[in-house]
Amino acid sequence: MIFGQNDKLVMIGDSITDTERKRPHGEGRNDSYGKGYVSVVNSLIQTVYPELALRIINMGISGNTVRNLQERWQTDVLDLKPDWVSILIGINDVWRQYDQPLITESHVYIDEYRSTLEELIQSTLPSVKGIILMTPFYIEPNQADAMRSTMDQYGKVVKELAETYGTKFVDTQAAFTPVLEHIYPAALAWDRVHPSLIGHSTIARAFLRAVGFDWNK
């Protein structure tokens, strides 16, 4: 697995990462993983790789776009001095274009999304062992659906940036494909965005595969 002993992993994003995590009780402290994929990832790594003593810090904030990440990047990522950073952002960047079509100031269009995410990657790579980029997703199997189609375009940006900068890449959207062949979207997420534990476990599995987790260990 890519993580070394006593490494620190900061996982940042929106509500999918946040999942009702408790906020820090003191400076630099965060001992809550939330109720989603971050918690699943942490639990499995601590169970299967306890010798690593990997510290995972959840810095997701519900409602965030890549703009919000940029605003808090120094304090919520760089100041924590992580060895690794995972980024799952873009759902709200797309969603606001559909649920708030007339409030255009809340929209983060794809060119801004690309340039801002790229800036975050460039500013972080020199000080970390690596970055794990995760695609935003929409739990909808119909690729012709308007929001799913747009989300796929943003996911393509993430893949291109991962290839350009040599980061780890998690195709979160693709991870849902085999599950959606058997489970209706509303059974995974009532709004096709905020998944149940099954959905979060799907994300966690994709993440762990990307970082070299040994399922037979």
N, C-alpha and C. Protein backbone atom coordinates (compact mmCIF):
# COMPACT_ATOMS: atom_id res chain seq x y z
N MET A 1 0.84 -1.19 0.00
CA MET A 1 0.00 0.00 0.00
C MET A 1 0.88 1.25 0.00
N ILE A 2 0.37 2.32 -0.54
CA ILE A 2 1.19 3.52 -0.73
C ILE A 2 1.53 4.22 0.58
N PHE A 3 0.75 4.03 1.62
CA PHE A 3 0.98 4.75 2.87
C PHE A 3 2.10 4.11 3.68
N GLY A 4 2.90 4.97 4.30
CA GLY A 4 3.98 4.49 5.14
C GLY A 4 3.63 4.62 6.61
N GLN A 5 4.50 4.12 7.45
CA GLN A 5 4.25 4.15 8.88
C GLN A 5 4.19 5.58 9.41
N ASN A 6 3.16 5.84 10.21
CA ASN A 6 2.93 7.14 10.84
C ASN A 6 2.62 8.25 9.84
N ASP A 7 2.22 7.88 8.64
CA ASP A 7 1.79 8.89 7.67
C ASP A 7 0.50 9.56 8.13
N LYS A 8 0.31 10.77 7.61
CA LYS A 8 -0.93 11.52 7.87
C LYS A 8 -1.63 11.77 6.55
N LEU A 9 -2.91 11.40 6.50
CA LEU A 9 -3.73 11.57 5.30
C LEU A 9 -4.87 12.54 5.60
N VAL A 10 -4.91 13.65 4.90
CA VAL A 10 -6.02 14.60 5.00
C VAL A 10 -6.98 14.32 3.85
N MET A 11 -8.24 14.09 4.19
CA MET A 11 -9.27 13.82 3.18
C MET A 11 -10.23 15.00 3.18
N ILE A 12 -10.28 15.71 2.06
CA ILE A 12 -11.04 16.95 2.01
C ILE A 12 -12.09 16.89 0.91
N GLY A 13 -13.20 17.60 1.12
CA GLY A 13 -14.27 17.61 0.14
C GLY A 13 -15.51 18.30 0.66
N ASP A 14 -16.65 17.84 0.17
CA ASP A 14 -17.93 18.44 0.52
C ASP A 14 -18.69 17.56 1.51
N SER A 15 -20.02 17.52 1.41
CA SER A 15 -20.83 16.76 2.36
C SER A 15 -20.57 15.26 2.28
N ILE A 16 -20.16 14.76 1.11
CA ILE A 16 -19.89 13.34 0.98
C ILE A 16 -18.70 12.94 1.85
N THR A 17 -17.78 13.85 2.02
CA THR A 17 -16.64 13.62 2.91
C THR A 17 -17.00 13.99 4.34
N ASP A 18 -17.69 15.09 4.52
CA ASP A 18 -18.05 15.59 5.84
C ASP A 18 -18.86 14.57 6.65
N THR A 19 -20.00 14.20 6.15
CA THR A 19 -20.92 13.23 6.77
C THR A 19 -21.07 13.40 8.28
N GLU A 20 -21.35 14.64 8.68
CA GLU A 20 -21.66 14.96 10.07
C GLU A 20 -20.47 14.72 11.01
N ARG A 21 -19.27 14.92 10.51
CA ARG A 21 -18.11 14.79 11.39
C ARG A 21 -18.16 15.85 12.47
N LYS A 22 -17.62 15.54 13.62
CA LYS A 22 -17.51 16.53 14.68
C LYS A 22 -16.38 17.48 14.33
N ARG A 23 -16.51 18.73 14.75
CA ARG A 23 -15.47 19.71 14.48
C ARG A 23 -14.37 19.60 15.53
N PRO A 24 -13.19 20.12 15.22
CA PRO A 24 -12.06 20.00 16.15
C PRO A 24 -12.37 20.55 17.53
N HIS A 25 -11.84 19.87 18.55
CA HIS A 25 -12.03 20.31 19.94
C HIS A 25 -10.87 21.18 20.40
N GLY A 26 -9.85 21.26 19.61
CA GLY A 26 -8.70 22.08 19.98
C GLY A 26 -7.87 22.34 18.75
N GLU A 27 -6.87 23.19 18.88
CA GLU A 27 -6.06 23.58 17.73
C GLU A 27 -5.40 22.36 17.08
N GLY A 28 -5.61 22.21 15.79
CA GLY A 28 -4.97 21.14 15.06
C GLY A 28 -5.53 19.76 15.34
N ARG A 29 -6.63 19.67 16.07
CA ARG A 29 -7.14 18.35 16.43
C ARG A 29 -8.42 18.04 15.67
N ASN A 30 -8.52 16.83 15.21
CA ASN A 30 -9.76 16.36 14.61
C ASN A 30 -9.80 14.85 14.79
N ASP A 31 -10.69 14.38 15.64
CA ASP A 31 -10.74 12.95 15.95
C ASP A 31 -12.07 12.34 15.55
N SER A 32 -12.72 12.94 14.55
CA SER A 32 -13.99 12.40 14.06
C SER A 32 -13.89 12.12 12.58
N TYR A 33 -14.35 10.95 12.18
CA TYR A 33 -14.25 10.56 10.79
C TYR A 33 -15.57 10.69 10.05
N GLY A 34 -16.63 11.06 10.75
CA GLY A 34 -17.93 11.16 10.12
C GLY A 34 -18.58 9.79 9.98
N LYS A 35 -19.62 9.73 9.13
CA LYS A 35 -20.41 8.51 9.00
C LYS A 35 -20.35 7.93 7.58
N GLY A 36 -19.33 8.33 6.82
CA GLY A 36 -19.28 7.92 5.42
C GLY A 36 -18.02 7.19 5.02
N TYR A 37 -17.60 7.41 3.79
CA TYR A 37 -16.49 6.65 3.23
C TYR A 37 -15.18 6.87 3.98
N VAL A 38 -14.99 8.05 4.56
CA VAL A 38 -13.77 8.30 5.32
C VAL A 38 -13.70 7.36 6.52
N SER A 39 -14.82 7.19 7.20
CA SER A 39 -14.88 6.29 8.34
C SER A 39 -14.65 4.84 7.93
N VAL A 40 -15.22 4.45 6.78
CA VAL A 40 -15.03 3.08 6.28
C VAL A 40 -13.57 2.85 5.93
N VAL A 41 -12.96 3.81 5.23
CA VAL A 41 -11.54 3.70 4.88
C VAL A 41 -10.68 3.59 6.13
N ASN A 42 -10.94 4.47 7.10
CA ASN A 42 -10.16 4.44 8.33
C ASN A 42 -10.30 3.12 9.06
N SER A 43 -11.54 2.63 9.16
CA SER A 43 -11.78 1.39 9.90
C SER A 43 -11.06 0.20 9.27
N LEU A 44 -11.12 0.11 7.95
CA LEU A 44 -10.49 -1.02 7.27
C LEU A 44 -8.96 -0.95 7.35
N ILE A 45 -8.42 0.25 7.19
CA ILE A 45 -6.96 0.38 7.27
C ILE A 45 -6.48 0.07 8.68
N GLN A 46 -7.19 0.58 9.69
CA GLN A 46 -6.76 0.32 11.07
C GLN A 46 -6.90 -1.14 11.43
N THR A 47 -7.85 -1.82 10.81
CA THR A 47 -8.06 -3.24 11.08
C THR A 47 -7.02 -4.11 10.37
N VAL A 48 -6.77 -3.82 9.10
CA VAL A 48 -5.90 -4.66 8.29
C VAL A 48 -4.43 -4.23 8.37
N TYR A 49 -4.18 -2.95 8.55
CA TYR A 49 -2.82 -2.43 8.63
C TYR A 49 -2.58 -1.67 9.94
N PRO A 50 -2.83 -2.27 11.09
CA PRO A 50 -2.67 -1.53 12.35
C PRO A 50 -1.24 -1.09 12.60
N GLU A 51 -0.29 -1.81 12.02
CA GLU A 51 1.12 -1.49 12.23
C GLU A 51 1.53 -0.16 11.61
N LEU A 52 0.74 0.34 10.66
CA LEU A 52 1.08 1.60 10.00
C LEU A 52 0.82 2.81 10.89
N ALA A 53 -0.15 2.69 11.79
CA ALA A 53 -0.53 3.84 12.64
C ALA A 53 -0.84 5.06 11.76
N LEU A 54 -1.57 4.81 10.68
CA LEU A 54 -1.93 5.89 9.76
C LEU A 54 -2.95 6.82 10.42
N ARG A 55 -2.68 8.11 10.37
CA ARG A 55 -3.63 9.09 10.91
C ARG A 55 -4.42 9.70 9.76
N ILE A 56 -5.74 9.57 9.85
CA ILE A 56 -6.62 10.14 8.84
C ILE A 56 -7.37 11.31 9.45
N ILE A 57 -7.40 12.43 8.73
CA ILE A 57 -8.10 13.63 9.19
C ILE A 57 -9.17 13.99 8.17
N ASN A 58 -10.41 14.06 8.61
CA ASN A 58 -11.53 14.41 7.75
C ASN A 58 -11.71 15.93 7.77
N MET A 59 -11.54 16.55 6.61
CA MET A 59 -11.72 18.00 6.51
C MET A 59 -12.81 18.35 5.49
N GLY A 60 -13.81 17.49 5.35
CA GLY A 60 -14.93 17.80 4.49
C GLY A 60 -15.87 18.81 5.11
N ILE A 61 -16.46 19.66 4.30
CA ILE A 61 -17.47 20.61 4.76
C ILE A 61 -18.64 20.60 3.78
N SER A 62 -19.80 20.33 4.32
CA SER A 62 -21.01 20.22 3.50
C SER A 62 -21.26 21.48 2.69
N GLY A 63 -21.64 21.29 1.44
CA GLY A 63 -21.97 22.41 0.57
C GLY A 63 -20.79 23.02 -0.18
N ASN A 64 -19.59 22.55 0.11
CA ASN A 64 -18.40 23.15 -0.50
C ASN A 64 -18.32 22.90 -2.01
N THR A 65 -17.76 23.88 -2.68
CA THR A 65 -17.33 23.75 -4.07
C THR A 65 -15.81 23.87 -4.08
N VAL A 66 -15.21 23.76 -5.25
CA VAL A 66 -13.77 23.91 -5.32
C VAL A 66 -13.34 25.32 -4.93
N ARG A 67 -14.23 26.30 -5.10
CA ARG A 67 -13.93 27.67 -4.64
C ARG A 67 -13.71 27.69 -3.13
N ASN A 68 -14.59 27.00 -2.41
CA ASN A 68 -14.49 26.96 -0.96
C ASN A 68 -13.22 26.26 -0.51
N LEU A 69 -12.86 25.20 -1.22
CA LEU A 69 -11.62 24.51 -0.89
C LEU A 69 -10.42 25.44 -1.04
N GLN A 70 -10.44 26.22 -2.10
CA GLN A 70 -9.33 27.14 -2.32
C GLN A 70 -9.23 28.16 -1.18
N GLU A 71 -10.37 28.62 -0.70
CA GLU A 71 -10.40 29.62 0.38
C GLU A 71 -9.82 29.08 1.68
N ARG A 72 -9.98 27.80 1.93
CA ARG A 72 -9.54 27.24 3.22
C ARG A 72 -8.36 26.28 3.08
N TRP A 73 -7.75 26.24 1.92
CA TRP A 73 -6.70 25.27 1.65
C TRP A 73 -5.51 25.41 2.58
N GLN A 74 -5.09 26.65 2.84
CA GLN A 74 -3.92 26.85 3.69
C GLN A 74 -4.16 26.31 5.10
N THR A 75 -5.27 26.70 5.70
CA THR A 75 -5.53 26.30 7.09
C THR A 75 -5.97 24.84 7.21
N ASP A 76 -6.75 24.37 6.25
CA ASP A 76 -7.37 23.04 6.39
C ASP A 76 -6.59 21.93 5.71
N VAL A 77 -5.55 22.29 4.97
CA VAL A 77 -4.71 21.25 4.36
C VAL A 77 -3.23 21.52 4.65
N LEU A 78 -2.68 22.57 4.09
CA LEU A 78 -1.24 22.80 4.17
C LEU A 78 -0.75 22.96 5.60
N ASP A 79 -1.51 23.68 6.43
CA ASP A 79 -1.08 23.89 7.82
C ASP A 79 -1.10 22.61 8.65
N LEU A 80 -1.83 21.60 8.19
CA LEU A 80 -1.88 20.32 8.90
C LEU A 80 -0.67 19.44 8.56
N LYS A 81 0.12 19.87 7.58
CA LYS A 81 1.34 19.17 7.17
C LYS A 81 1.09 17.68 6.88
N PRO A 82 0.20 17.41 5.95
CA PRO A 82 -0.09 16.00 5.63
C PRO A 82 1.00 15.37 4.78
N ASP A 83 1.05 14.05 4.82
CA ASP A 83 1.90 13.31 3.90
C ASP A 83 1.15 13.02 2.61
N TRP A 84 -0.16 12.86 2.75
CA TRP A 84 -1.04 12.56 1.61
C TRP A 84 -2.30 13.39 1.71
N VAL A 85 -2.86 13.74 0.56
CA VAL A 85 -4.13 14.47 0.52
C VAL A 85 -5.04 13.80 -0.50
N SER A 86 -6.28 13.53 -0.09
CA SER A 86 -7.28 13.07 -1.06
C SER A 86 -8.31 14.17 -1.25
N ILE A 87 -8.76 14.33 -2.50
CA ILE A 87 -9.69 15.41 -2.84
C ILE A 87 -10.89 14.81 -3.58
N LEU A 88 -12.07 15.02 -3.00
CA LEU A 88 -13.32 14.65 -3.66
C LEU A 88 -14.20 15.89 -3.69
N ILE A 89 -14.22 16.57 -4.82
CA ILE A 89 -14.95 17.84 -4.94
C ILE A 89 -15.50 17.96 -6.36
N GLY A 90 -16.62 18.67 -6.47
CA GLY A 90 -17.20 18.93 -7.78
C GLY A 90 -18.70 18.70 -7.85
N ILE A 91 -19.23 17.97 -6.89
CA ILE A 91 -20.66 17.67 -6.94
C ILE A 91 -21.49 18.95 -6.84
N ASN A 92 -21.17 19.80 -5.88
CA ASN A 92 -21.92 21.06 -5.74
C ASN A 92 -21.62 22.03 -6.86
N ASP A 93 -20.40 21.96 -7.40
CA ASP A 93 -20.04 22.80 -8.53
C ASP A 93 -21.00 22.56 -9.69
N VAL A 94 -21.38 21.29 -9.86
CA VAL A 94 -22.32 20.91 -10.92
C VAL A 94 -23.76 21.08 -10.46
N TRP A 95 -24.07 20.60 -9.29
CA TRP A 95 -25.46 20.55 -8.79
C TRP A 95 -26.11 21.93 -8.78
N ARG A 96 -25.36 22.94 -8.34
CA ARG A 96 -25.93 24.29 -8.27
C ARG A 96 -26.39 24.79 -9.64
N GLN A 97 -25.81 24.26 -10.69
CA GLN A 97 -26.23 24.66 -12.03
C GLN A 97 -27.62 24.11 -12.37
N TYR A 98 -28.04 23.09 -11.61
CA TYR A 98 -29.33 22.44 -11.88
C TYR A 98 -30.39 22.75 -10.83
N ASP A 99 -30.00 22.82 -9.55
CA ASP A 99 -31.02 23.11 -8.54
C ASP A 99 -31.14 24.60 -8.24
N GLN A 100 -30.18 25.40 -8.73
CA GLN A 100 -30.24 26.86 -8.60
C GLN A 100 -29.90 27.49 -9.95
N PRO A 101 -30.67 27.18 -10.97
CA PRO A 101 -30.29 27.62 -12.32
C PRO A 101 -30.23 29.12 -12.51
N LEU A 102 -31.01 29.87 -11.71
CA LEU A 102 -31.03 31.32 -11.87
C LEU A 102 -30.03 32.03 -10.97
N ILE A 103 -29.46 31.30 -10.00
CA ILE A 103 -28.48 31.90 -9.09
C ILE A 103 -27.09 31.59 -9.65
N THR A 104 -26.75 32.28 -10.70
CA THR A 104 -25.54 31.92 -11.45
C THR A 104 -24.25 32.14 -10.67
N GLU A 105 -24.30 33.01 -9.66
CA GLU A 105 -23.08 33.23 -8.88
C GLU A 105 -22.70 32.00 -8.06
N SER A 106 -23.63 31.07 -7.89
CA SER A 106 -23.31 29.84 -7.15
C SER A 106 -22.76 28.75 -8.07
N HIS A 107 -22.75 29.00 -9.36
CA HIS A 107 -22.28 28.00 -10.31
C HIS A 107 -20.75 28.06 -10.45
N VAL A 108 -20.14 26.91 -10.49
CA VAL A 108 -18.70 26.84 -10.78
C VAL A 108 -18.57 26.08 -12.10
N TYR A 109 -18.36 26.82 -13.17
CA TYR A 109 -18.31 26.19 -14.49
C TYR A 109 -16.97 25.49 -14.68
N ILE A 110 -16.93 24.66 -15.70
CA ILE A 110 -15.85 23.68 -15.82
C ILE A 110 -14.47 24.31 -15.97
N ASP A 111 -14.35 25.44 -16.64
CA ASP A 111 -13.03 26.07 -16.79
C ASP A 111 -12.49 26.54 -15.44
N GLU A 112 -13.37 27.14 -14.63
CA GLU A 112 -12.95 27.56 -13.29
C GLU A 112 -12.63 26.34 -12.42
N TYR A 113 -13.45 25.32 -12.56
CA TYR A 113 -13.21 24.09 -11.80
C TYR A 113 -11.82 23.53 -12.10
N ARG A 114 -11.52 23.44 -13.38
CA ARG A 114 -10.22 22.89 -13.79
C ARG A 114 -9.07 23.74 -13.27
N SER A 115 -9.14 25.04 -13.50
CA SER A 115 -8.02 25.91 -13.14
C SER A 115 -7.81 25.97 -11.63
N THR A 116 -8.91 25.98 -10.87
CA THR A 116 -8.79 26.06 -9.41
C THR A 116 -8.24 24.76 -8.84
N LEU A 117 -8.77 23.63 -9.32
CA LEU A 117 -8.28 22.35 -8.83
C LEU A 117 -6.81 22.17 -9.20
N GLU A 118 -6.45 22.62 -10.37
CA GLU A 118 -5.05 22.52 -10.79
C GLU A 118 -4.14 23.36 -9.91
N GLU A 119 -4.60 24.55 -9.53
CA GLU A 119 -3.83 25.40 -8.63
C GLU A 119 -3.60 24.71 -7.28
N LEU A 120 -4.64 24.04 -6.77
CA LEU A 120 -4.52 23.36 -5.49
C LEU A 120 -3.52 22.21 -5.59
N ILE A 121 -3.56 21.50 -6.68
CA ILE A 121 -2.62 20.40 -6.89
C ILE A 121 -1.19 20.94 -6.95
N GLN A 122 -0.99 21.98 -7.74
CA GLN A 122 0.35 22.53 -7.92
C GLN A 122 0.92 23.07 -6.61
N SER A 123 0.07 23.68 -5.79
CA SER A 123 0.54 24.27 -4.54
C SER A 123 0.84 23.22 -3.47
N THR A 124 0.32 22.01 -3.66
CA THR A 124 0.42 20.98 -2.63
C THR A 124 1.47 19.92 -2.93
N LEU A 125 1.64 19.56 -4.18
CA LEU A 125 2.54 18.46 -4.53
C LEU A 125 3.96 18.59 -3.97
N PRO A 126 4.55 19.80 -3.94
CA PRO A 126 5.92 19.88 -3.45
C PRO A 126 6.09 19.49 -1.98
N SER A 127 5.01 19.54 -1.19
CA SER A 127 5.15 19.31 0.25
C SER A 127 4.55 17.99 0.73
N VAL A 128 4.07 17.14 -0.19
CA VAL A 128 3.45 15.88 0.21
C VAL A 128 4.07 14.71 -0.55
N LYS A 129 3.81 13.51 -0.05
CA LYS A 129 4.25 12.30 -0.77
C LYS A 129 3.38 12.05 -1.99
N GLY A 130 2.12 12.48 -1.91
CA GLY A 130 1.24 12.27 -3.05
C GLY A 130 -0.16 12.76 -2.80
N ILE A 131 -0.93 12.83 -3.89
CA ILE A 131 -2.32 13.27 -3.86
C ILE A 131 -3.18 12.18 -4.49
N ILE A 132 -4.37 12.00 -3.93
CA ILE A 132 -5.34 11.07 -4.48
C ILE A 132 -6.53 11.89 -4.97
N LEU A 133 -6.75 11.92 -6.27
CA LEU A 133 -7.86 12.67 -6.86
C LEU A 133 -9.03 11.75 -7.11
N MET A 134 -10.21 12.14 -6.65
CA MET A 134 -11.42 11.35 -6.78
C MET A 134 -12.45 12.11 -7.61
N THR A 135 -13.09 11.43 -8.54
CA THR A 135 -14.07 12.12 -9.38
C THR A 135 -15.34 12.42 -8.62
N PRO A 136 -15.98 13.56 -8.92
CA PRO A 136 -17.34 13.76 -8.40
C PRO A 136 -18.25 12.76 -9.09
N PHE A 137 -19.44 12.56 -8.53
CA PHE A 137 -20.32 11.53 -9.08
C PHE A 137 -21.79 11.94 -8.94
N TYR A 138 -22.61 11.25 -9.72
CA TYR A 138 -24.07 11.38 -9.62
C TYR A 138 -24.62 9.98 -9.74
N ILE A 139 -25.36 9.52 -8.76
CA ILE A 139 -25.81 8.14 -8.71
C ILE A 139 -27.01 7.95 -9.63
N GLU A 140 -26.71 7.99 -10.91
CA GLU A 140 -27.71 7.89 -11.98
C GLU A 140 -27.07 7.11 -13.14
N PRO A 141 -27.61 5.93 -13.47
CA PRO A 141 -27.00 5.12 -14.53
C PRO A 141 -27.20 5.67 -15.94
N ASN A 142 -28.21 6.50 -16.14
CA ASN A 142 -28.50 7.05 -17.46
C ASN A 142 -27.51 8.16 -17.79
N GLN A 143 -26.54 7.86 -18.63
CA GLN A 143 -25.50 8.84 -18.95
C GLN A 143 -26.02 10.01 -19.77
N ALA A 144 -27.23 9.89 -20.31
CA ALA A 144 -27.82 10.98 -21.07
C ALA A 144 -28.54 11.97 -20.16
N ASP A 145 -28.75 11.60 -18.90
CA ASP A 145 -29.33 12.53 -17.93
C ASP A 145 -28.45 13.78 -17.88
N ALA A 146 -29.09 14.95 -17.86
CA ALA A 146 -28.34 16.21 -17.98
C ALA A 146 -27.28 16.37 -16.90
N MET A 147 -27.67 16.15 -15.65
CA MET A 147 -26.70 16.34 -14.56
C MET A 147 -25.63 15.26 -14.58
N ARG A 148 -25.99 14.04 -14.90
CA ARG A 148 -25.00 12.97 -15.00
C ARG A 148 -24.00 13.29 -16.12
N SER A 149 -24.49 13.78 -17.24
CA SER A 149 -23.61 14.11 -18.36
C SER A 149 -22.62 15.20 -17.98
N THR A 150 -23.10 16.23 -17.29
CA THR A 150 -22.21 17.30 -16.85
C THR A 150 -21.21 16.79 -15.83
N MET A 151 -21.68 15.96 -14.90
CA MET A 151 -20.79 15.41 -13.87
C MET A 151 -19.67 14.59 -14.51
N ASP A 152 -20.00 13.86 -15.57
CA ASP A 152 -18.99 13.07 -16.26
C ASP A 152 -17.91 13.96 -16.88
N GLN A 153 -18.32 15.14 -17.36
CA GLN A 153 -17.35 16.07 -17.92
C GLN A 153 -16.38 16.57 -16.84
N TYR A 154 -16.92 16.83 -15.66
CA TYR A 154 -16.06 17.27 -14.55
C TYR A 154 -15.16 16.12 -14.10
N GLY A 155 -15.70 14.91 -14.12
CA GLY A 155 -14.88 13.75 -13.79
C GLY A 155 -13.74 13.55 -14.77
N LYS A 156 -13.99 13.86 -16.02
CA LYS A 156 -12.95 13.76 -17.04
C LYS A 156 -11.83 14.75 -16.75
N VAL A 157 -12.18 15.93 -16.25
CA VAL A 157 -11.16 16.92 -15.86
C VAL A 157 -10.26 16.35 -14.76
N VAL A 158 -10.88 15.70 -13.78
CA VAL A 158 -10.11 15.11 -12.68
C VAL A 158 -9.15 14.06 -13.21
N LYS A 159 -9.62 13.23 -14.12
CA LYS A 159 -8.76 12.19 -14.69
C LYS A 159 -7.60 12.81 -15.46
N GLU A 160 -7.87 13.84 -16.22
CA GLU A 160 -6.82 14.49 -17.00
C GLU A 160 -5.77 15.12 -16.09
N LEU A 161 -6.22 15.74 -15.00
CA LEU A 161 -5.28 16.34 -14.06
C LEU A 161 -4.45 15.27 -13.36
N ALA A 162 -5.08 14.15 -13.03
CA ALA A 162 -4.35 13.05 -12.40
C ALA A 162 -3.26 12.53 -13.32
N GLU A 163 -3.58 12.44 -14.60
CA GLU A 163 -2.58 11.97 -15.57
C GLU A 163 -1.47 12.99 -15.76
N THR A 164 -1.84 14.27 -15.79
CA THR A 164 -0.85 15.33 -15.99
C THR A 164 0.14 15.41 -14.84
N TYR A 165 -0.37 15.28 -13.61
CA TYR A 165 0.49 15.48 -12.44
C TYR A 165 0.91 14.17 -11.76
N GLY A 166 0.53 13.05 -12.34
CA GLY A 166 0.96 11.77 -11.81
C GLY A 166 0.41 11.44 -10.44
N THR A 167 -0.80 11.87 -10.16
CA THR A 167 -1.41 11.56 -8.87
C THR A 167 -2.17 10.23 -8.95
N LYS A 168 -2.54 9.72 -7.80
CA LYS A 168 -3.44 8.57 -7.76
C LYS A 168 -4.82 9.04 -8.20
N PHE A 169 -5.57 8.12 -8.81
CA PHE A 169 -6.87 8.49 -9.38
C PHE A 169 -7.92 7.47 -8.97
N VAL A 170 -9.06 7.98 -8.51
CA VAL A 170 -10.19 7.14 -8.13
C VAL A 170 -11.38 7.54 -9.00
N ASP A 171 -11.83 6.62 -9.86
CA ASP A 171 -13.01 6.88 -10.68
C ASP A 171 -14.24 6.50 -9.86
N THR A 172 -14.65 7.43 -9.02
CA THR A 172 -15.76 7.19 -8.11
C THR A 172 -17.05 6.90 -8.86
N GLN A 173 -17.28 7.64 -9.94
CA GLN A 173 -18.49 7.42 -10.73
C GLN A 173 -18.53 6.00 -11.27
N ALA A 174 -17.43 5.53 -11.83
CA ALA A 174 -17.38 4.18 -12.40
C ALA A 174 -17.59 3.12 -11.34
N ALA A 175 -17.22 3.41 -10.10
CA ALA A 175 -17.37 2.42 -9.03
C ALA A 175 -18.84 2.07 -8.79
N PHE A 176 -19.73 3.01 -9.10
CA PHE A 176 -21.16 2.77 -8.88
C PHE A 176 -21.80 1.95 -10.01
N THR A 177 -21.13 1.85 -11.15
CA THR A 177 -21.75 1.20 -12.31
C THR A 177 -22.21 -0.22 -12.04
N PRO A 178 -21.37 -1.12 -11.52
CA PRO A 178 -21.85 -2.49 -11.28
C PRO A 178 -22.92 -2.58 -10.19
N VAL A 179 -22.87 -1.67 -9.24
CA VAL A 179 -23.87 -1.67 -8.17
C VAL A 179 -25.23 -1.25 -8.72
N LEU A 180 -25.22 -0.26 -9.61
CA LEU A 180 -26.47 0.25 -10.18
C LEU A 180 -27.11 -0.72 -11.18
N GLU A 181 -26.39 -1.76 -11.53
CA GLU A 181 -27.00 -2.79 -12.37
C GLU A 181 -28.01 -3.63 -11.58
N HIS A 182 -27.93 -3.53 -10.25
CA HIS A 182 -28.78 -4.37 -9.40
C HIS A 182 -29.60 -3.57 -8.39
N ILE A 183 -29.17 -2.35 -8.09
CA ILE A 183 -29.84 -1.54 -7.07
C ILE A 183 -30.31 -0.23 -7.69
N TYR A 184 -31.57 0.10 -7.49
CA TYR A 184 -32.14 1.34 -8.02
C TYR A 184 -31.48 2.54 -7.34
N PRO A 185 -31.20 3.62 -8.07
CA PRO A 185 -30.49 4.77 -7.51
C PRO A 185 -31.07 5.29 -6.20
N ALA A 186 -32.40 5.38 -6.11
CA ALA A 186 -33.02 5.92 -4.90
C ALA A 186 -32.76 5.06 -3.68
N ALA A 187 -32.43 3.78 -3.90
CA ALA A 187 -32.12 2.89 -2.79
C ALA A 187 -30.71 3.13 -2.27
N LEU A 188 -29.88 3.76 -3.09
CA LEU A 188 -28.52 4.10 -2.69
C LEU A 188 -28.43 5.53 -2.17
N ALA A 189 -29.25 6.41 -2.74
CA ALA A 189 -29.24 7.82 -2.34
C ALA A 189 -30.57 8.44 -2.74
N TRP A 190 -31.28 8.96 -1.78
CA TRP A 190 -32.62 9.49 -2.05
C TRP A 190 -32.58 10.62 -3.07
N ASP A 191 -31.48 11.37 -3.09
CA ASP A 191 -31.36 12.50 -4.02
C ASP A 191 -30.32 12.22 -5.11
N ARG A 192 -29.86 10.97 -5.17
CA ARG A 192 -28.84 10.55 -6.14
C ARG A 192 -27.48 11.21 -5.90
N VAL A 193 -27.32 11.80 -4.72
CA VAL A 193 -26.05 12.45 -4.37
C VAL A 193 -25.52 11.94 -3.03
N HIS A 194 -26.37 11.97 -2.00
CA HIS A 194 -25.91 11.61 -0.65
C HIS A 194 -26.18 10.13 -0.39
N PRO A 195 -25.14 9.30 -0.50
CA PRO A 195 -25.36 7.85 -0.48
C PRO A 195 -25.59 7.28 0.91
N SER A 196 -26.22 6.12 0.92
CA SER A 196 -26.35 5.30 2.12
C SER A 196 -24.99 4.71 2.44
N LEU A 197 -24.95 3.90 3.49
CA LEU A 197 -23.69 3.25 3.84
C LEU A 197 -23.22 2.33 2.72
N ILE A 198 -24.16 1.74 1.99
CA ILE A 198 -23.78 0.92 0.83
C ILE A 198 -23.02 1.77 -0.19
N GLY A 199 -23.56 2.96 -0.46
CA GLY A 199 -22.90 3.86 -1.40
C GLY A 199 -21.55 4.31 -0.90
N HIS A 200 -21.47 4.65 0.38
CA HIS A 200 -20.19 5.08 0.95
C HIS A 200 -19.18 3.94 0.94
N SER A 201 -19.66 2.73 1.16
CA SER A 201 -18.76 1.57 1.10
C SER A 201 -18.25 1.36 -0.32
N THR A 202 -19.09 1.67 -1.31
CA THR A 202 -18.68 1.58 -2.70
C THR A 202 -17.54 2.56 -2.99
N ILE A 203 -17.69 3.78 -2.48
CA ILE A 203 -16.64 4.79 -2.64
C ILE A 203 -15.36 4.35 -1.92
N ALA A 204 -15.51 3.86 -0.70
CA ALA A 204 -14.36 3.43 0.09
C ALA A 204 -13.61 2.30 -0.60
N ARG A 205 -14.35 1.36 -1.16
CA ARG A 205 -13.71 0.24 -1.86
C ARG A 205 -12.88 0.73 -3.04
N ALA A 206 -13.44 1.67 -3.81
CA ALA A 206 -12.71 2.22 -4.95
C ALA A 206 -11.45 2.96 -4.49
N PHE A 207 -11.58 3.70 -3.41
CA PHE A 207 -10.43 4.43 -2.85
C PHE A 207 -9.33 3.45 -2.43
N LEU A 208 -9.72 2.42 -1.69
CA LEU A 208 -8.74 1.47 -1.17
C LEU A 208 -8.04 0.71 -2.29
N ARG A 209 -8.77 0.40 -3.35
CA ARG A 209 -8.15 -0.25 -4.51
C ARG A 209 -7.07 0.66 -5.11
N ALA A 210 -7.36 1.95 -5.19
CA ALA A 210 -6.44 2.89 -5.82
C ALA A 210 -5.15 3.06 -5.01
N VAL A 211 -5.24 2.88 -3.70
CA VAL A 211 -4.05 3.10 -2.86
C VAL A 211 -3.31 1.79 -2.56
N GLY A 212 -3.75 0.70 -3.19
CA GLY A 212 -3.01 -0.56 -3.06
C GLY A 212 -3.36 -1.40 -1.85
N PHE A 213 -4.54 -1.20 -1.31
CA PHE A 213 -5.00 -2.00 -0.17
C PHE A 213 -5.06 -3.48 -0.57
N ASP A 214 -4.47 -4.34 0.26
CA ASP A 214 -4.44 -5.78 -0.02
C ASP A 214 -5.64 -6.44 0.66
N TRP A 215 -6.63 -6.81 -0.15
CA TRP A 215 -7.84 -7.40 0.40
C TRP A 215 -7.62 -8.81 0.92
N ASN A 216 -6.49 -9.39 0.60
CA ASN A 216 -6.20 -10.75 1.07
C ASN A 216 -5.25 -10.77 2.27
N LYS A 217 -4.87 -9.58 2.73
CA LYS A 217 -3.91 -9.50 3.85
C LYS A 217 -4.53 -10.04 5.14
